[in-house]
C-alpha atoms as a PDB file:
ATOM      1  CA  MET A   1     -41.245  12.487 -15.071  1.00  0.00           C
ATOM      2  CA  SER A   2     -37.595  11.888 -13.815  1.00  0.00           C
ATOM      3  CA  VAL A   3     -34.707  10.890 -16.226  1.00  0.00           C
ATOM      4  CA  GLU A   4     -33.041   7.786 -15.547  1.00  0.00           C
ATOM      5  CA  LEU A   5     -29.545   7.405 -14.328  1.00  0.00           C
ATOM      6  CA  THR A   6     -27.563   4.597 -15.634  1.00  0.00           C
ATOM      7  CA  LEU A   7     -24.180   2.820 -14.880  1.00  0.00           C
ATOM      8  CA  ARG A   8     -23.548   3.035 -18.694  1.00  0.00           C
ATOM      9  CA  GLN A   9     -23.766   6.719 -18.578  1.00  0.00           C
ATOM     10  CA  LEU A  10     -21.269   6.831 -15.716  1.00  0.00           C
ATOM     11  CA  THR A  11     -18.940   4.573 -17.493  1.00  0.00           C
ATOM     12  CA  TYR A  12     -18.851   6.867 -20.494  1.00  0.00           C
ATOM     13  CA  PHE A  13     -18.590   9.901 -18.433  1.00  0.00           C
ATOM     14  CA  ALA A  14     -15.547   8.489 -16.677  1.00  0.00           C
ATOM     15  CA  ALA A  15     -13.951   7.733 -20.126  1.00  0.00           C
ATOM     16  CA  LEU A  16     -14.479  11.140 -21.316  1.00  0.00           C
ATOM     17  CA  ALA A  17     -13.013  12.793 -18.135  1.00  0.00           C
ATOM     18  CA  GLU A  18      -9.948  10.629 -18.550  1.00  0.00           C
ATOM     19  CA  THR A  19      -9.377  11.325 -22.245  1.00  0.00           C
ATOM     20  CA  ARG A  20     -10.759  14.931 -22.454  1.00  0.00           C
ATOM     21  CA  HIS A  21     -11.804  14.108 -26.101  1.00  0.00           C
ATOM     22  CA  TYR A  22     -15.103  12.654 -27.336  1.00  0.00           C
ATOM     23  CA  ARG A  23     -13.628  10.632 -30.161  1.00  0.00           C
ATOM     24  CA  ARG A  24     -11.012   9.121 -28.037  1.00  0.00           C
ATOM     25  CA  ALA A  25     -13.591   8.386 -25.292  1.00  0.00           C
ATOM     26  CA  ALA A  26     -15.927   6.678 -27.799  1.00  0.00           C
ATOM     27  CA  GLU A  27     -13.006   4.526 -29.100  1.00  0.00           C
ATOM     28  CA  ARG A  28     -12.063   3.416 -25.427  1.00  0.00           C
ATOM     29  CA  VAL A  29     -15.666   2.308 -24.661  1.00  0.00           C
ATOM     30  CA  GLY A  30     -16.490   1.076 -28.226  1.00  0.00           C
ATOM     31  CA  ILE A  31     -19.357   3.208 -29.258  1.00  0.00           C
ATOM     32  CA  SER A  32     -19.746   6.013 -31.840  1.00  0.00           C
ATOM     33  CA  GLN A  33     -19.037   9.423 -30.950  1.00  0.00           C
ATOM     34  CA  PRO A  34     -22.693  10.604 -31.438  1.00  0.00           C
ATOM     35  CA  SER A  35     -23.721   7.700 -29.078  1.00  0.00           C
ATOM     36  CA  LEU A  36     -21.400   8.873 -26.350  1.00  0.00           C
ATOM     37  CA  SER A  37     -22.394  12.475 -26.718  1.00  0.00           C
ATOM     38  CA  GLN A  38     -25.997  11.405 -26.264  1.00  0.00           C
ATOM     39  CA  GLN A  39     -25.393   9.602 -23.160  1.00  0.00           C
ATOM     40  CA  ILE A  40     -23.315  12.372 -21.656  1.00  0.00           C
ATOM     41  CA  VAL A  41     -26.347  14.637 -22.500  1.00  0.00           C
ATOM     42  CA  GLY A  42     -28.691  12.137 -20.678  1.00  0.00           C
ATOM     43  CA  LEU A  43     -26.520  12.072 -17.715  1.00  0.00           C
ATOM     44  CA  GLU A  44     -26.561  15.859 -17.466  1.00  0.00           C
ATOM     45  CA  ALA A  45     -30.273  15.747 -17.757  1.00  0.00           C
ATOM     46  CA  ALA A  46     -30.615  13.016 -15.048  1.00  0.00           C
ATOM     47  CA  LEU A  47     -28.435  15.101 -12.760  1.00  0.00           C
ATOM     48  CA  GLY A  48     -29.612  18.327 -13.550  1.00  0.00           C
ATOM     49  CA  VAL A  49     -26.076  20.045 -14.036  1.00  0.00           C
ATOM     50  CA  THR A  50     -23.737  20.786 -16.703  1.00  0.00           C
ATOM     51  CA  LEU A  51     -20.877  18.414 -16.532  1.00  0.00           C
ATOM     52  CA  VAL A  52     -18.663  19.231 -19.526  1.00  0.00           C
ATOM     53  CA  GLU A  53     -17.761  22.194 -21.391  1.00  0.00           C
ATOM     54  CA  ARG A  54     -17.568  21.642 -25.220  1.00  0.00           C
ATOM     55  CA  GLY A  55     -15.231  23.663 -27.304  1.00  0.00           C
ATOM     56  CA  GLN A  56     -12.192  23.625 -29.499  1.00  0.00           C
ATOM     57  CA  ARG A  57     -10.202  22.280 -26.465  1.00  0.00           C
ATOM     58  CA  GLY A  58     -12.245  19.222 -26.351  1.00  0.00           C
ATOM     59  CA  ALA A  59     -14.075  18.235 -23.150  1.00  0.00           C
ATOM     60  CA  VAL A  60     -13.201  20.216 -20.158  1.00  0.00           C
ATOM     61  CA  LEU A  61     -15.110  19.342 -17.111  1.00  0.00           C
ATOM     62  CA  THR A  62     -17.063  22.007 -15.082  1.00  0.00           C
ATOM     63  CA  PRO A  63     -16.477  22.600 -11.441  1.00  0.00           C
ATOM     64  CA  GLN A  64     -19.752  20.355 -11.046  1.00  0.00           C
ATOM     65  CA  GLY A  65     -18.374  17.878 -13.336  1.00  0.00           C
ATOM     66  CA  ARG A  66     -15.121  17.381 -11.282  1.00  0.00           C
ATOM     67  CA  MET A  67     -17.068  17.000  -8.139  1.00  0.00           C
ATOM     68  CA  ILE A  68     -19.486  14.354  -9.845  1.00  0.00           C
ATOM     69  CA  LEU A  69     -16.362  12.579 -11.516  1.00  0.00           C
ATOM     70  CA  ALA A  70     -15.015  11.879  -7.926  1.00  0.00           C
ATOM     71  CA  GLN A  71     -18.293  10.212  -6.875  1.00  0.00           C
ATOM     72  CA  THR A  72     -18.587   8.478 -10.289  1.00  0.00           C
ATOM     73  CA  ARG A  73     -15.306   6.726  -9.766  1.00  0.00           C
ATOM     74  CA  ARG A  74     -16.404   5.585  -6.208  1.00  0.00           C
ATOM     75  CA  VAL A  75     -19.674   4.120  -7.966  1.00  0.00           C
ATOM     76  CA  LEU A  76     -17.882   2.401 -10.680  1.00  0.00           C
ATOM     77  CA  GLU A  77     -15.428   0.928  -8.309  1.00  0.00           C
ATOM     78  CA  GLU A  78     -18.007  -0.458  -5.934  1.00  0.00           C
ATOM     79  CA  THR A  79     -19.878  -1.841  -9.011  1.00  0.00           C
ATOM     80  CA  GLU A  80     -16.805  -3.556  -9.957  1.00  0.00           C
ATOM     81  CA  HIS A  81     -16.321  -4.961  -6.380  1.00  0.00           C
ATOM     82  CA  LEU A  82     -19.674  -6.419  -6.526  1.00  0.00           C
ATOM     83  CA  ARG A  83     -19.249  -8.070  -9.915  1.00  0.00           C
ATOM     84  CA  ALA A  84     -15.954  -9.423  -8.844  1.00  0.00           C
ATOM     85  CA  LEU A  85     -17.183 -10.826  -5.497  1.00  0.00           C
ATOM     86  CA  ALA A  86     -20.156 -12.579  -7.434  1.00  0.00           C
ATOM     87  CA  GLN A  87     -17.620 -13.953 -10.147  1.00  0.00           C
ATOM     88  CA  GLY A  88     -15.317 -15.117  -7.522  1.00  0.00           C
ATOM     89  CA  ALA A  89     -18.071 -16.834  -5.714  1.00  0.00           C
ATOM     90  CA  ARG A  90     -19.180 -18.657  -9.031  1.00  0.00           C
ATOM     91  CA  ASP A  91     -15.882 -19.284 -10.603  1.00  0.00           C
ATOM     92  CA  GLY A  92     -12.913 -18.780  -8.497  1.00  0.00           C
ATOM     93  CA  VAL A  93      -9.934 -16.956  -9.795  1.00  0.00           C
ATOM     94  CA  THR A  94     -11.127 -15.864 -13.403  1.00  0.00           C
ATOM     95  CA  GLY A  95     -11.873 -12.457 -15.252  1.00  0.00           C
ATOM     96  CA  THR A  96      -9.452  -9.607 -16.076  1.00  0.00           C
ATOM     97  CA  ILE A  97      -6.958  -7.681 -13.951  1.00  0.00           C
ATOM     98  CA  ARG A  98      -4.921  -4.739 -15.196  1.00  0.00           C
ATOM     99  CA  LEU A  99      -1.179  -4.886 -14.057  1.00  0.00           C
ATOM    100  CA  GLY A 100       1.057  -1.885 -14.204  1.00  0.00           C
ATOM    101  CA  SER A 101       4.569  -2.577 -14.050  1.00  0.00           C
ATOM    102  CA  THR A 102       7.815  -0.284 -14.043  1.00  0.00           C
ATOM    103  CA  PRO A 103      10.101  -0.738 -17.014  1.00  0.00           C
ATOM    104  CA  THR A 104      13.077  -1.225 -14.684  1.00  0.00           C
ATOM    105  CA  LEU A 105      11.662  -4.479 -13.362  1.00  0.00           C
ATOM    106  CA  GLY A 106       8.699  -5.810 -15.598  1.00  0.00           C
ATOM    107  CA  PRO A 107      10.749  -7.118 -18.315  1.00  0.00           C
ATOM    108  CA  TYR A 108      13.252  -9.128 -16.052  1.00  0.00           C
ATOM    109  CA  LEU A 109      10.601 -10.568 -13.792  1.00  0.00           C
ATOM    110  CA  LEU A 110       7.056 -10.700 -15.157  1.00  0.00           C
ATOM    111  CA  PRO A 111       7.878 -13.242 -18.038  1.00  0.00           C
ATOM    112  CA  HIS A 112       8.519 -15.879 -15.330  1.00  0.00           C
ATOM    113  CA  VAL A 113       5.542 -14.945 -13.273  1.00  0.00           C
ATOM    114  CA  MET A 114       3.106 -14.903 -16.116  1.00  0.00           C
ATOM    115  CA  ARG A 115       4.187 -18.393 -17.131  1.00  0.00           C
ATOM    116  CA  ARG A 116       3.370 -19.673 -13.796  1.00  0.00           C
ATOM    117  CA  LEU A 117       0.207 -17.634 -13.163  1.00  0.00           C
ATOM    118  CA  HIS A 118      -1.330 -18.891 -16.599  1.00  0.00           C
ATOM    119  CA  ALA A 119      -0.463 -22.591 -15.738  1.00  0.00           C
ATOM    120  CA  ALA A 120      -2.237 -21.985 -12.271  1.00  0.00           C
ATOM    121  CA  TYR A 121      -5.088 -20.018 -13.335  1.00  0.00           C
ATOM    122  CA  PRO A 122      -5.709 -20.285 -17.111  1.00  0.00           C
ATOM    123  CA  GLU A 123      -9.170 -18.511 -16.956  1.00  0.00           C
ATOM    124  CA  LEU A 124      -7.562 -15.238 -15.438  1.00  0.00           C
ATOM    125  CA  LYS A 125      -6.465 -12.573 -18.015  1.00  0.00           C
ATOM    126  CA  VAL A 126      -3.753 -10.272 -17.060  1.00  0.00           C
ATOM    127  CA  VAL A 127      -3.304  -7.068 -19.035  1.00  0.00           C
ATOM    128  CA  ILE A 128       0.226  -5.582 -18.499  1.00  0.00           C
ATOM    129  CA  ARG A 129       1.431  -2.210 -19.051  1.00  0.00           C
ATOM    130  CA  ASP A 130       4.889  -0.573 -18.645  1.00  0.00           C
ATOM    131  CA  ALA A 131       5.107   3.021 -17.405  1.00  0.00           C
ATOM    132  CA  PRO A 132       7.177   5.080 -15.116  1.00  0.00           C
ATOM    133  CA  PRO A 133       6.125   4.570 -11.306  1.00  0.00           C
ATOM    134  CA  ALA A 134       4.687   8.154 -11.092  1.00  0.00           C
ATOM    135  CA  THR A 135       2.238   7.254 -14.203  1.00  0.00           C
ATOM    136  CA  LEU A 136       1.314   4.021 -13.055  1.00  0.00           C
ATOM    137  CA  GLN A 137       0.269   5.330  -9.587  1.00  0.00           C
ATOM    138  CA  ASP A 138      -1.948   8.028 -11.237  1.00  0.00           C
ATOM    139  CA  GLU A 139      -3.453   5.262 -13.391  1.00  0.00           C
ATOM    140  CA  LEU A 140      -3.886   3.124 -10.239  1.00  0.00           C
ATOM    141  CA  LEU A 141      -5.625   5.869  -8.419  1.00  0.00           C
ATOM    142  CA  SER A 142      -7.861   6.904 -11.354  1.00  0.00           C
ATOM    143  CA  GLY A 143      -8.974   3.127 -11.957  1.00  0.00           C
ATOM    144  CA  GLN A 144      -7.054   2.528 -15.147  1.00  0.00           C
ATOM    145  CA  GLN A 145      -4.780  -0.151 -13.374  1.00  0.00           C
ATOM    146  CA  ASP A 146      -6.151  -2.825 -10.789  1.00  0.00           C
ATOM    147  CA  LEU A 147      -2.666  -3.087  -9.096  1.00  0.00           C
ATOM    148  CA  ILE A 148       1.083  -2.161  -9.989  1.00  0.00           C
ATOM    149  CA  LEU A 149       4.352  -3.868  -9.299  1.00  0.00           C
ATOM    150  CA  THR A 150       6.820  -1.029  -8.540  1.00  0.00           C
ATOM    151  CA  GLN A 151       9.596   0.385  -6.420  1.00  0.00           C
ATOM    152  CA  LEU A 152       8.206   1.115  -2.899  1.00  0.00           C
ATOM    153  CA  PRO A 153       7.089   3.416  -0.957  1.00  0.00           C
ATOM    154  CA  VAL A 154       3.981   4.573  -2.935  1.00  0.00           C
ATOM    155  CA  PRO A 155       3.054   7.885  -1.225  1.00  0.00           C
ATOM    156  CA  SER A 156      -0.685   7.798  -1.189  1.00  0.00           C
ATOM    157  CA  GLY A 157      -3.217   7.307   1.743  1.00  0.00           C
ATOM    158  CA  ASP A 158      -5.586   5.815  -0.857  1.00  0.00           C
ATOM    159  CA  LEU A 159      -3.454   2.707  -1.659  1.00  0.00           C
ATOM    160  CA  ASP A 160      -2.186  -0.231   0.212  1.00  0.00           C
ATOM    161  CA  ALA A 161       1.142  -1.971  -0.482  1.00  0.00           C
ATOM    162  CA  MET A 162       2.827  -5.265   0.076  1.00  0.00           C
ATOM    163  CA  ARG A 163       6.555  -5.751   0.019  1.00  0.00           C
ATOM    164  CA  LEU A 164       7.864  -8.525  -1.776  1.00  0.00           C
ATOM    165  CA  PHE A 165      11.631  -8.387  -2.117  1.00  0.00           C
ATOM    166  CA  ARG A 166      14.657  -6.143  -1.964  1.00  0.00           C
ATOM    167  CA  GLU A 167      16.713  -5.874  -5.043  1.00  0.00           C
ATOM    168  CA  PRO A 168      20.455  -4.669  -4.657  1.00  0.00           C
ATOM    169  CA  LEU A 169      21.659  -1.776  -6.997  1.00  0.00           C
ATOM    170  CA  LYS A 170      25.250  -2.690  -8.479  1.00  0.00           C
ATOM    171  CA  LEU A 171      27.722  -0.110  -9.629  1.00  0.00           C
ATOM    172  CA  ALA A 172      28.270   0.109 -13.235  1.00  0.00           C
ATOM    173  CA  MET A 173      31.232   1.758 -14.970  1.00  0.00           C
ATOM    174  CA  ALA A 174      33.034   2.098 -18.377  1.00  0.00           C
ATOM    175  CA  LEU A 175      35.625  -0.364 -19.118  1.00  0.00           C
ATOM    176  CA  ASP A 176      38.491   2.184 -19.096  1.00  0.00           C
ATOM    177  CA  HIS A 177      36.945   3.867 -16.026  1.00  0.00           C
ATOM    178  CA  PRO A 178      39.747   4.469 -13.217  1.00  0.00           C
ATOM    179  CA  LEU A 179      37.586   2.403 -10.567  1.00  0.00           C
ATOM    180  CA  ALA A 180      37.216  -0.415 -13.199  1.00  0.00           C
ATOM    181  CA  THR A 181      40.250  -2.430 -11.814  1.00  0.00           C
ATOM    182  CA  ARG A 182      39.435  -2.116  -8.100  1.00  0.00           C
ATOM    183  CA  GLU A 183      38.343  -5.176  -6.485  1.00  0.00           C
ATOM    184  CA  THR A 184      36.220  -3.286  -4.040  1.00  0.00           C
ATOM    185  CA  ILE A 185      34.659   0.177  -4.343  1.00  0.00           C
ATOM    186  CA  ARG A 186      34.285   1.950  -1.097  1.00  0.00           C
ATOM    187  CA  ASP A 187      32.150   5.119  -0.309  1.00  0.00           C
ATOM    188  CA  VAL A 188      35.030   7.530  -0.377  1.00  0.00           C
ATOM    189  CA  ASP A 189      35.975   6.169  -3.834  1.00  0.00           C
ATOM    190  CA  LEU A 190      33.022   7.923  -5.140  1.00  0.00           C
ATOM    191  CA  THR A 191      33.587  11.302  -3.919  1.00  0.00           C
ATOM    192  CA  GLY A 192      33.438  13.814  -6.612  1.00  0.00           C
ATOM    193  CA  VAL A 193      32.713  11.225  -9.314  1.00  0.00           C
ATOM    194  CA  ASP A 194      29.843  11.858 -12.006  1.00  0.00           C
ATOM    195  CA  VAL A 195      26.870   9.574 -11.607  1.00  0.00           C
ATOM    196  CA  LEU A 196      24.262   8.996 -14.093  1.00  0.00           C
ATOM    197  CA  SER A 197      20.635   8.245 -13.289  1.00  0.00           C
ATOM    198  CA  LEU A 198      17.252   7.793 -14.842  1.00  0.00           C
ATOM    199  CA  SER A 199      14.752  10.857 -14.960  1.00  0.00           C
ATOM    200  CA  ASP A 200      12.897  11.881 -11.853  1.00  0.00           C
ATOM    201  CA  ALA A 201      10.097  10.035 -13.379  1.00  0.00           C
ATOM    202  CA  TYR A 202      11.506   6.953 -11.611  1.00  0.00           C
ATOM    203  CA  ARG A 203      11.692   6.404  -7.893  1.00  0.00           C
ATOM    204  CA  LEU A 204      15.082   5.237  -8.529  1.00  0.00           C
ATOM    205  CA  HIS A 205      16.157   8.673  -9.480  1.00  0.00           C
ATOM    206  CA  ALA A 206      15.400  10.032  -6.064  1.00  0.00           C
ATOM    207  CA  GLN A 207      17.036   6.999  -4.254  1.00  0.00           C
ATOM    208  CA  VAL A 208      20.189   7.771  -6.386  1.00  0.00           C
ATOM    209  CA  ALA A 209      20.256  11.325  -5.797  1.00  0.00           C
ATOM    210  CA  GLY A 210      19.912  10.804  -1.991  1.00  0.00           C
ATOM    211  CA  LEU A 211      22.870   8.359  -2.506  1.00  0.00           C
ATOM    212  CA  CYS A 212      25.033  11.004  -4.388  1.00  0.00           C
ATOM    213  CA  GLU A 213      24.400  13.589  -1.597  1.00  0.00           C
ATOM    214  CA  ASP A 214      25.638  11.091   1.126  1.00  0.00           C
ATOM    215  CA  LEU A 215      28.666  10.024  -0.932  1.00  0.00           C
ATOM    216  CA  GLY A 216      29.717  13.628  -2.161  1.00  0.00           C
ATOM    217  CA  ALA A 217      29.400  12.343  -5.607  1.00  0.00           C
ATOM    218  CA  THR A 218      28.027  14.656  -8.526  1.00  0.00           C
ATOM    219  CA  LEU A 219      24.651  13.625 -10.125  1.00  0.00           C
ATOM    220  CA  ARG A 220      24.565  14.585 -13.452  1.00  0.00           C
ATOM    221  CA  ARG A 221      21.282  16.239 -14.421  1.00  0.00           C
ATOM    222  CA  ASP A 222      22.514  17.291 -18.046  1.00  0.00           C
ATOM    223  CA  TYR A 223      22.228  13.645 -19.148  1.00  0.00           C
ATOM    224  CA  GLU A 224      19.473  11.381 -17.850  1.00  0.00           C
ATOM    225  CA  GLY A 225      18.649   7.914 -18.938  1.00  0.00           C
ATOM    226  CA  THR A 226      15.077   7.291 -20.469  1.00  0.00           C
ATOM    227  CA  SER A 227      15.552   3.497 -19.816  1.00  0.00           C
ATOM    228  CA  LEU A 228      18.024   1.299 -18.119  1.00  0.00           C
ATOM    229  CA  ASP A 229      19.537   0.274 -21.415  1.00  0.00           C
ATOM    230  CA  ALA A 230      20.291   3.954 -22.298  1.00  0.00           C
ATOM    231  CA  LEU A 231      21.797   4.566 -18.902  1.00  0.00           C
ATOM    232  CA  ARG A 232      24.030   1.560 -19.425  1.00  0.00           C
ATOM    233  CA  GLN A 233      24.828   2.763 -22.919  1.00  0.00           C
ATOM    234  CA  MET A 234      25.846   6.208 -21.479  1.00  0.00           C
ATOM    235  CA  THR A 235      27.897   4.453 -18.777  1.00  0.00           C
ATOM    236  CA  ALA A 236      29.744   2.549 -21.443  1.00  0.00           C
ATOM    237  CA  LEU A 237      30.789   5.777 -22.901  1.00  0.00           C
ATOM    238  CA  ASN A 238      32.439   7.014 -19.775  1.00  0.00           C
ATOM    239  CA  MET A 239      29.993   9.478 -19.173  1.00  0.00           C
ATOM    240  CA  GLY A 240      29.764   8.599 -15.508  1.00  0.00           C
ATOM    241  CA  VAL A 241      29.157   5.676 -13.444  1.00  0.00           C
ATOM    242  CA  SER A 242      25.607   4.119 -12.780  1.00  0.00           C
ATOM    243  CA  PHE A 243      23.626   2.298 -10.208  1.00  0.00           C
ATOM    244  CA  LEU A 244      21.851  -0.638 -11.944  1.00  0.00           C
ATOM    245  CA  PRO A 245      19.157  -3.045 -10.568  1.00  0.00           C
ATOM    246  CA  ALA A 246      20.484  -6.623  -9.857  1.00  0.00           C
ATOM    247  CA  LEU A 247      17.674  -8.288 -12.060  1.00  0.00           C
ATOM    248  CA  TYR A 248      18.649  -5.933 -14.954  1.00  0.00           C
ATOM    249  CA  VAL A 249      22.364  -6.661 -14.566  1.00  0.00           C
ATOM    250  CA  ARG A 250      21.467 -10.433 -14.534  1.00  0.00           C
ATOM    251  CA  SER A 251      19.472 -10.126 -17.793  1.00  0.00           C
ATOM    252  CA  GLU A 252      21.322  -7.259 -19.900  1.00  0.00           C
ATOM    253  CA  ALA A 253      24.567  -6.264 -18.351  1.00  0.00           C
ATOM    254  CA  SER A 254      26.194  -9.535 -17.331  1.00  0.00           C
ATOM    255  CA  ARG A 255      30.033 -10.085 -17.754  1.00  0.00           C
ATOM    256  CA  ASP A 256      29.278 -11.592 -21.138  1.00  0.00           C
ATOM    257  CA  ALA A 257      27.832  -8.269 -22.531  1.00  0.00           C
ATOM    258  CA  GLY A 258      31.199  -6.724 -22.124  1.00  0.00           C
ATOM    259  CA  ASP A 259      30.405  -3.093 -22.528  1.00  0.00           C
ATOM    260  CA  VAL A 260      30.496  -2.176 -18.920  1.00  0.00           C
ATOM    261  CA  VAL A 261      32.112  -3.339 -15.654  1.00  0.00           C
ATOM    262  CA  VAL A 262      29.513  -4.080 -12.958  1.00  0.00           C
ATOM    263  CA  LYS A 263      30.614  -4.407  -9.208  1.00  0.00           C
ATOM    264  CA  PRO A 264      28.761  -4.858  -6.058  1.00  0.00           C
ATOM    265  CA  PHE A 265      28.463  -1.842  -3.623  1.00  0.00           C
ATOM    266  CA  ARG A 266      28.108  -1.910   0.166  1.00  0.00           C
ATOM    267  CA  SER A 267      28.447  -5.682   0.139  1.00  0.00           C
ATOM    268  CA  GLY A 268      25.005  -5.825  -1.560  1.00  0.00           C
ATOM    269  CA  ARG A 269      23.363  -3.768   1.407  1.00  0.00           C
ATOM    270  CA  LEU A 270      22.218  -0.953  -1.217  1.00  0.00           C
ATOM    271  CA  THR A 271      18.806  -2.116  -2.231  1.00  0.00           C
ATOM    272  CA  ARG A 272      15.539  -1.001  -3.416  1.00  0.00           C
ATOM    273  CA  SER A 273      12.284  -2.226  -2.168  1.00  0.00           C
ATOM    274  CA  ILE A 274       9.813  -3.956  -4.715  1.00  0.00           C
ATOM    275  CA  GLY A 275       6.207  -4.612  -4.100  1.00  0.00           C
ATOM    276  CA  LEU A 276       2.562  -4.427  -5.278  1.00  0.00           C
ATOM    277  CA  ALA A 277       0.270  -1.566  -4.702  1.00  0.00           C
ATOM    278  CA  TRP A 278      -3.654  -1.436  -5.110  1.00  0.00           C
ATOM    279  CA  ARG A 279      -6.390   0.645  -4.087  1.00  0.00           C
ATOM    280  CA  ARG A 280      -7.652   0.245  -0.554  1.00  0.00           C
ATOM    281  CA  ARG A 281     -11.029  -0.855  -1.580  1.00  0.00           C
ATOM    282  CA  SER A 282      -9.935  -3.028  -4.639  1.00  0.00           C
ATOM    283  CA  ALA A 283     -12.136  -5.853  -5.457  1.00  0.00           C
ATOM    284  CA  HIS A 284      -9.318  -7.970  -6.444  1.00  0.00           C
ATOM    285  CA  ILE A 285      -7.833  -8.770  -3.181  1.00  0.00           C
ATOM    286  CA  ARG A 286      -7.888 -12.625  -3.645  1.00  0.00           C
ATOM    287  CA  ILE A 287      -6.060 -12.378  -6.858  1.00  0.00           C
ATOM    288  CA  ILE A 288      -3.520  -9.893  -5.478  1.00  0.00           C
ATOM    289  CA  GLN A 289      -2.737 -12.282  -2.783  1.00  0.00           C
ATOM    290  CA  LYS A 290      -2.256 -15.197  -5.208  1.00  0.00           C
ATOM    291  CA  LEU A 291      -0.228 -13.151  -7.398  1.00  0.00           C
ATOM    292  CA  ALA A 292       2.054 -12.252  -4.426  1.00  0.00           C
ATOM    293  CA  THR A 293       2.485 -15.702  -3.731  1.00  0.00           C
ATOM    294  CA  ILE A 294       3.358 -16.752  -7.070  1.00  0.00           C
ATOM    295  CA  ILE A 295       5.872 -13.850  -7.368  1.00  0.00           C
ATOM    296  CA  SER A 296       7.661 -14.868  -4.229  1.00  0.00           C
ATOM    297  CA  ASP A 297       7.979 -18.432  -5.387  1.00  0.00           C
ATOM    298  CA  VAL A 298       9.480 -17.328  -8.676  1.00  0.00           C
ATOM    299  CA  VAL A 299      12.050 -15.039  -6.873  1.00  0.00           C
ATOM    300  CA  ARG A 300      12.942 -17.995  -4.213  1.00  0.00           C
ATOM    301  CA  GLU A 301      13.320 -20.578  -7.150  1.00  0.00           C
ATOM    302  CA  THR A 302      15.092 -18.376  -9.921  1.00  0.00           C
ATOM    303  CA  PHE A 303      16.397 -15.138  -8.428  1.00  0.00           C
ATOM    304  CA  ALA A 304      17.467 -16.181  -4.904  1.00  0.00           C
ATOM    305  CA  ASP A 305      21.071 -15.352  -5.722  1.00  0.00           C
ATOM    306  CA  HIS A 306      20.204 -11.879  -6.872  1.00  0.00           C
ATOM    307  CA  VAL A 307      17.333 -10.669  -4.687  1.00  0.00           C
ATOM    308  CA  MET A 308      16.286 -11.045  -0.973  1.00  0.00           C
ATOM    309  CA  LEU A 309      12.375 -11.921  -0.150  1.00  0.00           C
ATOM    310  CA  GLU A 310      10.541  -9.776   2.185  1.00  0.00           C
ATOM    311  CA  LEU A 311       7.236 -11.363   2.121  1.00  0.00           C
END
């Protein structure tokens, strides 16, 4: 007599693979630890292979488990696609979507977007998580996020992306920095100047590092900001200059803040590209398109003086 294979077992197995811990996996899916363990045993019996090694290190996937996990994620994604198609046919834009956003962008844009999205689609629930871009991309690929709002490009053949707008990077410096009184900062003015940046968990780091190489500036690797606020505070202490995104400057580093001097650089032509990214076989294309339209509307109506639309 064959043992039945269920979607519930696959869901629990995916949660265990992601957490690598029975208790945490059980908490994630809302059942008791013994029940989850029993379901994993049932899945192993149905497949006829051992998926998990149980030991002091927690749950470690076997080689067979890693192979089964890849297919499990595809099955669960296709199942979610089927449910979303059915729900969309019944109700329109409803359900829950998980949106990841980089902390260098989300806090300054998403409050405006979420108010408009909720007004337009009150039955749609959006779960937002802030994390560095590299973390968000990993979570997107593993199915923990449905789409992410991030700096582009996203280097993966499994993802699609849509460019939304270009955001200028502005040059910030301490009030008493030698360049603070200059009306215009030229490339040559930054030769040999210390530049601060976020850590390499952010795509902005790679962009600033490349810029420093072009300018002959010195990227300070001994001090890296964990946030834009930390970066601004180090800049205010005259530890180096920094390049801050325009929406952050608008919100947190305006002329009234008074702790740094912020100037345009290269006449606003130094920009980063912002957009949405999602898995190629996503079940949420309709919602993604509507969200992209709302973001574009918000940018056009609220931030047109600060960023440039690409969509």
